[in-house]
Amino acid sequence: MEEFGRVAEEVRITRKTLLALPDPSPPTPPAAKVPDHPAYRQIMAVFAAADAPLRARAVCEAMDLEIAPSNVNNVRLKLKRLVERGILTEPEQGLFTQPRP
């Protein structure tokens, strides 16, 4: 009976200790990786310097690309890929920005 009382006391102390511990924080998801292509690095540099959301045409201008439909569409596709990966957000159709913490 004495052994039972000792074990019960250990369980009580363990429970008290566990309840006093803070809740573990949820695991942080791994940071999204930018595709390893020079165009994506250029796009991210444009957004790092931007202080407002940008459209694909403005990104082309900032990258010194010719404003041609094919260039604008290619940049738009890359911007959409970055949104899918969680690197950029699209708060409004065709308007892209970096997520705010």
PDB file of N, CA and C in Angstrom:
ATOM      1  N   MET A   1       0.823  -1.195   0.000  1.00  0.00           N
ATOM      2  CA  MET A   1       0.000   0.000   0.000  1.00  0.00           C
ATOM      3  C   MET A   1       0.865   1.256   0.000  1.00  0.00           C
ATOM      4  N   GLU A   2       1.976   1.172   0.734  1.00  0.00           N
ATOM      5  CA  GLU A   2       2.883   2.310   0.786  1.00  0.00           C
ATOM      6  C   GLU A   2       3.453   2.645  -0.598  1.00  0.00           C
ATOM      7  N   GLU A   3       3.746   1.605  -1.394  1.00  0.00           N
ATOM      8  CA  GLU A   3       4.253   1.784  -2.766  1.00  0.00           C
ATOM      9  C   GLU A   3       3.213   2.509  -3.623  1.00  0.00           C
ATOM     10  N   PHE A   4       1.953   2.143  -3.467  1.00  0.00           N
ATOM     11  CA  PHE A   4       0.866   2.793  -4.217  1.00  0.00           C
ATOM     12  C   PHE A   4       0.794   4.279  -3.891  1.00  0.00           C
ATOM     13  N   GLY A   5       0.918   4.647  -2.651  1.00  0.00           N
ATOM     14  CA  GLY A   5       0.886   6.043  -2.231  1.00  0.00           C
ATOM     15  C   GLY A   5       2.051   6.832  -2.803  1.00  0.00           C
ATOM     16  N   ARG A   6       3.230   6.213  -2.870  1.00  0.00           N
ATOM     17  CA  ARG A   6       4.403   6.881  -3.427  1.00  0.00           C
ATOM     18  C   ARG A   6       4.221   7.126  -4.924  1.00  0.00           C
ATOM     19  N   VAL A   7       3.726   6.119  -5.641  1.00  0.00           N
ATOM     20  CA  VAL A   7       3.487   6.242  -7.083  1.00  0.00           C
ATOM     21  C   VAL A   7       2.403   7.295  -7.351  1.00  0.00           C
ATOM     22  N   ALA A   8       1.355   7.302  -6.554  1.00  0.00           N
ATOM     23  CA  ALA A   8       0.288   8.289  -6.722  1.00  0.00           C
ATOM     24  C   ALA A   8       0.827   9.707  -6.523  1.00  0.00           C
ATOM     25  N   GLU A   9       1.692   9.894  -5.555  1.00  0.00           N
ATOM     26  CA  GLU A   9       2.310  11.209  -5.304  1.00  0.00           C
ATOM     27  C   GLU A   9       3.177  11.629  -6.493  1.00  0.00           C
ATOM     28  N   GLU A  10       3.943  10.687  -7.077  1.00  0.00           N
ATOM     29  CA  GLU A  10       4.765  10.986  -8.250  1.00  0.00           C
ATOM     30  C   GLU A  10       3.894  11.397  -9.433  1.00  0.00           C
ATOM     31  N   VAL A  11       2.778  10.703  -9.619  1.00  0.00           N
ATOM     32  CA  VAL A  11       1.850  11.047 -10.704  1.00  0.00           C
ATOM     33  C   VAL A  11       1.273  12.440 -10.476  1.00  0.00           C
ATOM     34  N   ARG A  12       0.917  12.758  -9.234  1.00  0.00           N
ATOM     35  CA  ARG A  12       0.366  14.082  -8.927  1.00  0.00           C
ATOM     36  C   ARG A  12       1.384  15.177  -9.226  1.00  0.00           C
ATOM     37  N   ILE A  13       2.647  14.956  -8.846  1.00  0.00           N
ATOM     38  CA  ILE A  13       3.707  15.943  -9.092  1.00  0.00           C
ATOM     39  C   ILE A  13       3.954  16.086 -10.592  1.00  0.00           C
ATOM     40  N   THR A  14       3.977  14.969 -11.296  1.00  0.00           N
ATOM     41  CA  THR A  14       4.187  15.005 -12.750  1.00  0.00           C
ATOM     42  C   THR A  14       3.068  15.769 -13.436  1.00  0.00           C
ATOM     43  N   ARG A  15       1.828  15.503 -13.038  1.00  0.00           N
ATOM     44  CA  ARG A  15       0.670  16.193 -13.622  1.00  0.00           C
ATOM     45  C   ARG A  15       0.773  17.694 -13.376  1.00  0.00           C
ATOM     46  N   LYS A  16       1.120  18.060 -12.153  1.00  0.00           N
ATOM     47  CA  LYS A  16       1.234  19.476 -11.798  1.00  0.00           C
ATOM     48  C   LYS A  16       2.324  20.149 -12.645  1.00  0.00           C
ATOM     49  N   THR A  17       3.442  19.456 -12.828  1.00  0.00           N
ATOM     50  CA  THR A  17       4.545  19.989 -13.629  1.00  0.00           C
ATOM     51  C   THR A  17       4.125  20.165 -15.081  1.00  0.00           C
ATOM     52  N   LEU A  18       3.458  19.155 -15.630  1.00  0.00           N
ATOM     53  CA  LEU A  18       3.029  19.227 -17.036  1.00  0.00           C
ATOM     54  C   LEU A  18       2.014  20.342 -17.257  1.00  0.00           C
ATOM     55  N   LEU A  19       1.100  20.520 -16.326  1.00  0.00           N
ATOM     56  CA  LEU A  19       0.100  21.588 -16.456  1.00  0.00           C
ATOM     57  C   LEU A  19       0.726  22.975 -16.353  1.00  0.00           C
ATOM     58  N   ALA A  20       1.862  23.073 -15.683  1.00  0.00           N
ATOM     59  CA  ALA A  20       2.541  24.363 -15.536  1.00  0.00           C
ATOM     60  C   ALA A  20       3.346  24.740 -16.777  1.00  0.00           C
ATOM     61  N   LEU A  21       3.643  23.775 -17.637  1.00  0.00           N
ATOM     62  CA  LEU A  21       4.418  24.066 -18.851  1.00  0.00           C
ATOM     63  C   LEU A  21       3.579  24.871 -19.839  1.00  0.00           C
ATOM     64  N   PRO A  22       4.203  25.802 -20.576  1.00  0.00           N
ATOM     65  CA  PRO A  22       3.443  26.554 -21.589  1.00  0.00           C
ATOM     66  C   PRO A  22       3.065  25.642 -22.756  1.00  0.00           C
ATOM     67  N   ASP A  23       1.981  26.013 -23.434  1.00  0.00           N
ATOM     68  CA  ASP A  23       1.569  25.248 -24.606  1.00  0.00           C
ATOM     69  C   ASP A  23       2.641  25.373 -25.684  1.00  0.00           C
ATOM     70  N   PRO A  24       2.953  24.284 -26.349  1.00  0.00           N
ATOM     71  CA  PRO A  24       3.959  24.384 -27.409  1.00  0.00           C
ATOM     72  C   PRO A  24       3.399  25.201 -28.572  1.00  0.00           C
ATOM     73  N   SER A  25       4.252  26.009 -29.166  1.00  0.00           N
ATOM     74  CA  SER A  25       3.797  26.807 -30.306  1.00  0.00           C
ATOM     75  C   SER A  25       3.662  25.888 -31.513  1.00  0.00           C
ATOM     76  N   PRO A  26       2.727  26.220 -32.402  1.00  0.00           N
ATOM     77  CA  PRO A  26       2.562  25.372 -33.589  1.00  0.00           C
ATOM     78  C   PRO A  26       3.823  25.443 -34.444  1.00  0.00           C
ATOM     79  N   PRO A  27       4.159  24.375 -35.111  1.00  0.00           N
ATOM     80  CA  PRO A  27       5.375  24.392 -35.925  1.00  0.00           C
ATOM     81  C   PRO A  27       5.227  25.404 -37.058  1.00  0.00           C
ATOM     82  N   THR A  28       6.290  26.125 -37.311  1.00  0.00           N
ATOM     83  CA  THR A  28       6.250  27.103 -38.405  1.00  0.00           C
ATOM     84  C   THR A  28       6.494  26.364 -39.707  1.00  0.00           C
ATOM     85  N   PRO A  29       5.668  26.667 -40.708  1.00  0.00           N
ATOM     86  CA  PRO A  29       5.862  25.992 -41.992  1.00  0.00           C
ATOM     87  C   PRO A  29       7.180  26.441 -42.617  1.00  0.00           C
ATOM     88  N   PRO A  30       7.802  25.593 -43.389  1.00  0.00           N
ATOM     89  CA  PRO A  30       9.054  25.985 -44.026  1.00  0.00           C
ATOM     90  C   PRO A  30       8.817  27.144 -44.991  1.00  0.00           C
ATOM     91  N   ALA A  31       9.792  27.995 -45.098  1.00  0.00           N
ATOM     92  CA  ALA A  31       9.672  29.152 -45.996  1.00  0.00           C
ATOM     93  C   ALA A  31       9.587  28.658 -47.439  1.00  0.00           C
ATOM     94  N   ALA A  32       8.704  29.298 -48.193  1.00  0.00           N
ATOM     95  CA  ALA A  32       8.551  28.925 -49.593  1.00  0.00           C
ATOM     96  C   ALA A  32       9.824  29.292 -50.339  1.00  0.00           C
ATOM     97  N   LYS A  33      10.227  28.428 -51.235  1.00  0.00           N
ATOM     98  CA  LYS A  33      11.465  28.624 -51.968  1.00  0.00           C
ATOM     99  C   LYS A  33      11.159  29.242 -53.328  1.00  0.00           C
ATOM    100  N   VAL A  34      11.873  30.324 -53.623  1.00  0.00           N
ATOM    101  CA  VAL A  34      11.743  30.972 -54.930  1.00  0.00           C
ATOM    102  C   VAL A  34      12.398  30.064 -55.963  1.00  0.00           C
ATOM    103  N   PRO A  35      11.750  29.846 -57.114  1.00  0.00           N
ATOM    104  CA  PRO A  35      12.362  29.012 -58.155  1.00  0.00           C
ATOM    105  C   PRO A  35      13.748  29.536 -58.535  1.00  0.00           C
ATOM    106  N   ASP A  36      14.634  28.622 -58.817  1.00  0.00           N
ATOM    107  CA  ASP A  36      16.019  28.973 -59.134  1.00  0.00           C
ATOM    108  C   ASP A  36      16.130  29.367 -60.611  1.00  0.00           C
ATOM    109  N   HIS A  37      15.708  30.571 -60.909  1.00  0.00           N
ATOM    110  CA  HIS A  37      15.765  31.106 -62.271  1.00  0.00           C
ATOM    111  C   HIS A  37      15.999  32.609 -62.138  1.00  0.00           C
ATOM    112  N   PRO A  38      16.864  33.173 -62.957  1.00  0.00           N
ATOM    113  CA  PRO A  38      17.173  34.604 -62.828  1.00  0.00           C
ATOM    114  C   PRO A  38      15.943  35.514 -62.900  1.00  0.00           C
ATOM    115  N   ALA A  39      14.961  35.162 -63.691  1.00  0.00           N
ATOM    116  CA  ALA A  39      13.762  36.009 -63.817  1.00  0.00           C
ATOM    117  C   ALA A  39      13.031  36.121 -62.485  1.00  0.00           C
ATOM    118  N   TYR A  40      12.959  35.014 -61.732  1.00  0.00           N
ATOM    119  CA  TYR A  40      12.277  35.043 -60.435  1.00  0.00           C
ATOM    120  C   TYR A  40      13.057  35.898 -59.437  1.00  0.00           C
ATOM    121  N   ARG A  41      14.389  35.819 -59.499  1.00  0.00           N
ATOM    122  CA  ARG A  41      15.193  36.665 -58.614  1.00  0.00           C
ATOM    123  C   ARG A  41      14.991  38.137 -58.949  1.00  0.00           C
ATOM    124  N   GLN A  42      14.893  38.462 -60.245  1.00  0.00           N
ATOM    125  CA  GLN A  42      14.633  39.846 -60.655  1.00  0.00           C
ATOM    126  C   GLN A  42      13.267  40.310 -60.161  1.00  0.00           C
ATOM    127  N   ILE A  43      12.279  39.458 -60.309  1.00  0.00           N
ATOM    128  CA  ILE A  43      10.923  39.805 -59.859  1.00  0.00           C
ATOM    129  C   ILE A  43      10.921  40.071 -58.360  1.00  0.00           C
ATOM    130  N   MET A  44      11.584  39.219 -57.590  1.00  0.00           N
ATOM    131  CA  MET A  44      11.613  39.411 -56.149  1.00  0.00           C
ATOM    132  C   MET A  44      12.374  40.681 -55.771  1.00  0.00           C
ATOM    133  N   ALA A  45      13.391  41.045 -56.546  1.00  0.00           N
ATOM    134  CA  ALA A  45      14.115  42.295 -56.300  1.00  0.00           C
ATOM    135  C   ALA A  45      13.206  43.492 -56.552  1.00  0.00           C
ATOM    136  N   VAL A  46      12.362  43.393 -57.569  1.00  0.00           N
ATOM    137  CA  VAL A  46      11.407  44.467 -57.867  1.00  0.00           C
ATOM    138  C   VAL A  46      10.444  44.635 -56.695  1.00  0.00           C
ATOM    139  N   PHE A  47       9.933  43.531 -56.167  1.00  0.00           N
ATOM    140  CA  PHE A  47       8.985  43.615 -55.052  1.00  0.00           C
ATOM    141  C   PHE A  47       9.666  44.058 -53.755  1.00  0.00           C
ATOM    142  N   ALA A  48      10.935  43.738 -53.596  1.00  0.00           N
ATOM    143  CA  ALA A  48      11.658  44.184 -52.402  1.00  0.00           C
ATOM    144  C   ALA A  48      11.795  45.705 -52.398  1.00  0.00           C
ATOM    145  N   ALA A  49      11.896  46.289 -53.584  1.00  0.00           N
ATOM    146  CA  ALA A  49      12.044  47.745 -53.689  1.00  0.00           C
ATOM    147  C   ALA A  49      10.697  48.459 -53.766  1.00  0.00           C
ATOM    148  N   ALA A  50       9.625  47.722 -54.021  1.00  0.00           N
ATOM    149  CA  ALA A  50       8.303  48.339 -54.197  1.00  0.00           C
ATOM    150  C   ALA A  50       7.668  48.668 -52.853  1.00  0.00           C
ATOM    151  N   ASP A  51       6.927  49.766 -52.837  1.00  0.00           N
ATOM    152  CA  ASP A  51       6.218  50.132 -51.611  1.00  0.00           C
ATOM    153  C   ASP A  51       4.708  50.028 -51.786  1.00  0.00           C
ATOM    154  N   ALA A  52       4.288  49.462 -52.920  1.00  0.00           N
ATOM    155  CA  ALA A  52       2.863  49.294 -53.201  1.00  0.00           C
ATOM    156  C   ALA A  52       2.694  48.051 -54.079  1.00  0.00           C
ATOM    157  N   PRO A  53       1.497  47.495 -54.120  1.00  0.00           N
ATOM    158  CA  PRO A  53       1.247  46.355 -55.008  1.00  0.00           C
ATOM    159  C   PRO A  53       1.511  46.739 -56.466  1.00  0.00           C
ATOM    160  N   LEU A  54       1.904  45.747 -57.257  1.00  0.00           N
ATOM    161  CA  LEU A  54       2.264  45.990 -58.657  1.00  0.00           C
ATOM    162  C   LEU A  54       1.477  45.081 -59.589  1.00  0.00           C
ATOM    163  N   ARG A  55       1.291  45.567 -60.794  1.00  0.00           N
ATOM    164  CA  ARG A  55       0.711  44.760 -61.869  1.00  0.00           C
ATOM    165  C   ARG A  55       1.856  44.214 -62.723  1.00  0.00           C
ATOM    166  N   ALA A  56       1.579  43.222 -63.546  1.00  0.00           N
ATOM    167  CA  ALA A  56       2.601  42.582 -64.371  1.00  0.00           C
ATOM    168  C   ALA A  56       3.300  43.598 -65.270  1.00  0.00           C
ATOM    169  N   ARG A  57       2.557  44.530 -65.816  1.00  0.00           N
ATOM    170  CA  ARG A  57       3.163  45.543 -66.697  1.00  0.00           C
ATOM    171  C   ARG A  57       4.184  46.383 -65.934  1.00  0.00           C
ATOM    172  N   ALA A  58       3.857  46.778 -64.706  1.00  0.00           N
ATOM    173  CA  ALA A  58       4.786  47.578 -63.907  1.00  0.00           C
ATOM    174  C   ALA A  58       6.036  46.779 -63.557  1.00  0.00           C
ATOM    175  N   VAL A  59       5.875  45.481 -63.333  1.00  0.00           N
ATOM    176  CA  VAL A  59       7.028  44.626 -63.054  1.00  0.00           C
ATOM    177  C   VAL A  59       7.915  44.566 -64.295  1.00  0.00           C
ATOM    178  N   CYS A  60       7.324  44.444 -65.481  1.00  0.00           N
ATOM    179  CA  CYS A  60       8.089  44.447 -66.734  1.00  0.00           C
ATOM    180  C   CYS A  60       8.877  45.743 -66.873  1.00  0.00           C
ATOM    181  N   GLU A  61       8.229  46.860 -66.599  1.00  0.00           N
ATOM    182  CA  GLU A  61       8.909  48.151 -66.692  1.00  0.00           C
ATOM    183  C   GLU A  61      10.080  48.213 -65.719  1.00  0.00           C
ATOM    184  N   ALA A  62       9.877  47.736 -64.499  1.00  0.00           N
ATOM    185  CA  ALA A  62      10.938  47.768 -63.498  1.00  0.00           C
ATOM    186  C   ALA A  62      12.098  46.841 -63.872  1.00  0.00           C
ATOM    187  N   MET A  63      11.795  45.792 -64.623  1.00  0.00           N
ATOM    188  CA  MET A  63      12.827  44.849 -65.069  1.00  0.00           C
ATOM    189  C   MET A  63      13.455  45.278 -66.393  1.00  0.00           C
ATOM    190  N   ASP A  64      13.052  46.427 -66.917  1.00  0.00           N
ATOM    191  CA  ASP A  64      13.531  46.942 -68.210  1.00  0.00           C
ATOM    192  C   ASP A  64      13.249  45.982 -69.359  1.00  0.00           C
ATOM    193  N   LEU A  65      12.096  45.328 -69.303  1.00  0.00           N
ATOM    194  CA  LEU A  65      11.657  44.483 -70.413  1.00  0.00           C
ATOM    195  C   LEU A  65      10.808  45.315 -71.354  1.00  0.00           C
ATOM    196  N   GLU A  66      10.844  44.949 -72.619  1.00  0.00           N
ATOM    197  CA  GLU A  66       9.983  45.617 -73.600  1.00  0.00           C
ATOM    198  C   GLU A  66       8.527  45.337 -73.215  1.00  0.00           C
ATOM    199  N   ILE A  67       7.700  46.374 -73.280  1.00  0.00           N
ATOM    200  CA  ILE A  67       6.282  46.200 -72.934  1.00  0.00           C
ATOM    201  C   ILE A  67       5.566  45.615 -74.148  1.00  0.00           C
ATOM    202  N   ALA A  68       5.690  44.313 -74.275  1.00  0.00           N
ATOM    203  CA  ALA A  68       5.034  43.565 -75.344  1.00  0.00           C
ATOM    204  C   ALA A  68       4.101  42.563 -74.675  1.00  0.00           C
ATOM    205  N   PRO A  69       2.994  42.230 -75.338  1.00  0.00           N
ATOM    206  CA  PRO A  69       2.046  41.283 -74.732  1.00  0.00           C
ATOM    207  C   PRO A  69       2.704  39.977 -74.270  1.00  0.00           C
ATOM    208  N   SER A  70       3.646  39.462 -75.038  1.00  0.00           N
ATOM    209  CA  SER A  70       4.280  38.193 -74.646  1.00  0.00           C
ATOM    210  C   SER A  70       5.090  38.363 -73.358  1.00  0.00           C
ATOM    211  N   ASN A  71       5.809  39.468 -73.222  1.00  0.00           N
ATOM    212  CA  ASN A  71       6.586  39.697 -71.992  1.00  0.00           C
ATOM    213  C   ASN A  71       5.675  39.884 -70.786  1.00  0.00           C
ATOM    214  N   VAL A  72       4.624  40.676 -70.966  1.00  0.00           N
ATOM    215  CA  VAL A  72       3.698  40.925 -69.855  1.00  0.00           C
ATOM    216  C   VAL A  72       3.029  39.617 -69.437  1.00  0.00           C
ATOM    217  N   ASN A  73       2.618  38.800 -70.397  1.00  0.00           N
ATOM    218  CA  ASN A  73       1.974  37.516 -70.079  1.00  0.00           C
ATOM    219  C   ASN A  73       2.943  36.558 -69.384  1.00  0.00           C
ATOM    220  N   ASN A  74       4.207  36.529 -69.845  1.00  0.00           N
ATOM    221  CA  ASN A  74       5.197  35.659 -69.203  1.00  0.00           C
ATOM    222  C   ASN A  74       5.439  36.085 -67.756  1.00  0.00           C
ATOM    223  N   VAL A  75       5.552  37.391 -67.527  1.00  0.00           N
ATOM    224  CA  VAL A  75       5.750  37.877 -66.159  1.00  0.00           C
ATOM    225  C   VAL A  75       4.512  37.570 -65.322  1.00  0.00           C
ATOM    226  N   ARG A  76       3.322  37.745 -65.887  1.00  0.00           N
ATOM    227  CA  ARG A  76       2.087  37.456 -65.150  1.00  0.00           C
ATOM    228  C   ARG A  76       2.046  35.984 -64.735  1.00  0.00           C
ATOM    229  N   LEU A  77       2.447  35.085 -65.630  1.00  0.00           N
ATOM    230  CA  LEU A  77       2.475  33.658 -65.293  1.00  0.00           C
ATOM    231  C   LEU A  77       3.456  33.378 -64.152  1.00  0.00           C
ATOM    232  N   LYS A  78       4.599  34.040 -64.180  1.00  0.00           N
ATOM    233  CA  LYS A  78       5.573  33.860 -63.106  1.00  0.00           C
ATOM    234  C   LYS A  78       5.022  34.410 -61.787  1.00  0.00           C
ATOM    235  N   LEU A  79       4.347  35.540 -61.851  1.00  0.00           N
ATOM    236  CA  LEU A  79       3.741  36.114 -60.648  1.00  0.00           C
ATOM    237  C   LEU A  79       2.689  35.158 -60.079  1.00  0.00           C
ATOM    238  N   LYS A  80       1.889  34.555 -60.949  1.00  0.00           N
ATOM    239  CA  LYS A  80       0.864  33.593 -60.492  1.00  0.00           C
ATOM    240  C   LYS A  80       1.523  32.378 -59.832  1.00  0.00           C
ATOM    241  N   ARG A  81       2.667  31.918 -60.383  1.00  0.00           N
ATOM    242  CA  ARG A  81       3.373  30.792 -59.772  1.00  0.00           C
ATOM    243  C   ARG A  81       3.871  31.158 -58.377  1.00  0.00           C
ATOM    244  N   LEU A  82       4.359  32.395 -58.237  1.00  0.00           N
ATOM    245  CA  LEU A  82       4.832  32.842 -56.933  1.00  0.00           C
ATOM    246  C   LEU A  82       3.673  32.942 -55.940  1.00  0.00           C
ATOM    247  N   VAL A  83       2.482  33.289 -56.428  1.00  0.00           N
ATOM    248  CA  VAL A  83       1.298  33.324 -55.557  1.00  0.00           C
ATOM    249  C   VAL A  83       0.950  31.904 -55.123  1.00  0.00           C
ATOM    250  N   GLU A  84       0.983  30.953 -56.054  1.00  0.00           N
ATOM    251  CA  GLU A  84       0.678  29.555 -55.724  1.00  0.00           C
ATOM    252  C   GLU A  84       1.621  29.011 -54.659  1.00  0.00           C
ATOM    253  N   ARG A  85       2.865  29.459 -54.673  1.00  0.00           N
ATOM    254  CA  ARG A  85       3.859  28.997 -53.704  1.00  0.00           C
ATOM    255  C   ARG A  85       3.796  29.766 -52.380  1.00  0.00           C
ATOM    256  N   GLY A  86       2.963  30.792 -52.327  1.00  0.00           N
ATOM    257  CA  GLY A  86       2.824  31.568 -51.102  1.00  0.00           C
ATOM    258  C   GLY A  86       3.895  32.633 -50.921  1.00  0.00           C
ATOM    259  N   ILE A  87       4.655  32.907 -51.976  1.00  0.00           N
ATOM    260  CA  ILE A  87       5.726  33.896 -51.899  1.00  0.00           C
ATOM    261  C   ILE A  87       5.160  35.299 -52.110  1.00  0.00           C
ATOM    262  N   LEU A  88       4.196  35.417 -53.007  1.00  0.00           N
ATOM    263  CA  LEU A  88       3.480  36.670 -53.241  1.00  0.00           C
ATOM    264  C   LEU A  88       2.001  36.433 -52.964  1.00  0.00           C
ATOM    265  N   THR A  89       1.248  37.520 -52.857  1.00  0.00           N
ATOM    266  CA  THR A  89      -0.205  37.418 -52.744  1.00  0.00           C
ATOM    267  C   THR A  89      -0.828  38.245 -53.860  1.00  0.00           C
ATOM    268  N   GLU A  90      -2.069  37.915 -54.164  1.00  0.00           N
ATOM    269  CA  GLU A  90      -2.835  38.645 -55.171  1.00  0.00           C
ATOM    270  C   GLU A  90      -4.107  39.154 -54.496  1.00  0.00           C
ATOM    271  N   PRO A  91      -3.999  40.315 -53.813  1.00  0.00           N
ATOM    272  CA  PRO A  91      -5.154  40.815 -53.069  1.00  0.00           C
ATOM    273  C   PRO A  91      -6.323  41.212 -53.966  1.00  0.00           C
ATOM    274  N   GLU A  92      -6.031  41.494 -55.209  1.00  0.00           N
ATOM    275  CA  GLU A  92      -7.031  41.909 -56.184  1.00  0.00           C
ATOM    276  C   GLU A  92      -6.592  41.331 -57.521  1.00  0.00           C
ATOM    277  N   GLN A  93      -7.529  41.016 -58.382  1.00  0.00           N
ATOM    278  CA  GLN A  93      -7.212  40.394 -59.667  1.00  0.00           C
ATOM    279  C   GLN A  93      -6.149  41.207 -60.414  1.00  0.00           C
ATOM    280  N   GLY A  94      -4.999  40.569 -60.678  1.00  0.00           N
ATOM    281  CA  GLY A  94      -3.942  41.202 -61.452  1.00  0.00           C
ATOM    282  C   GLY A  94      -3.037  42.134 -60.660  1.00  0.00           C
ATOM    283  N   LEU A  95      -3.241  42.228 -59.370  1.00  0.00           N
ATOM    284  CA  LEU A  95      -2.434  43.095 -58.521  1.00  0.00           C
ATOM    285  C   LEU A  95      -1.662  42.205 -57.535  1.00  0.00           C
ATOM    286  N   PHE A  96      -0.347  42.333 -57.535  1.00  0.00           N
ATOM    287  CA  PHE A  96       0.496  41.422 -56.759  1.00  0.00           C
ATOM    288  C   PHE A  96       1.300  42.191 -55.724  1.00  0.00           C
ATOM    289  N   THR A  97       1.549  41.531 -54.589  1.00  0.00           N
ATOM    290  CA  THR A  97       2.329  42.136 -53.521  1.00  0.00           C
ATOM    291  C   THR A  97       2.926  41.034 -52.662  1.00  0.00           C
ATOM    292  N   GLN A  98       3.901  41.427 -51.841  1.00  0.00           N
ATOM    293  CA  GLN A  98       4.467  40.477 -50.889  1.00  0.00           C
ATOM    294  C   GLN A  98       3.528  40.391 -49.688  1.00  0.00           C
ATOM    295  N   PRO A  99       3.386  39.190 -49.104  1.00  0.00           N
ATOM    296  CA  PRO A  99       2.533  39.075 -47.910  1.00  0.00           C
ATOM    297  C   PRO A  99       3.114  39.891 -46.761  1.00  0.00           C
ATOM    298  N   ARG A 100       2.247  40.462 -45.989  1.00  0.00           N
ATOM    299  CA  ARG A 100       2.677  41.246 -44.832  1.00  0.00           C
ATOM    300  C   ARG A 100       2.646  40.346 -43.594  1.00  0.00           C
ATOM    301  N   PRO A 101       3.680  40.426 -42.743  1.00  0.00           N
ATOM    302  CA  PRO A 101       3.711  39.569 -41.538  1.00  0.00           C
ATOM    303  C   PRO A 101       2.634  39.926 -40.535  1.00  0.00           C
TER     304      PRO A 101
END
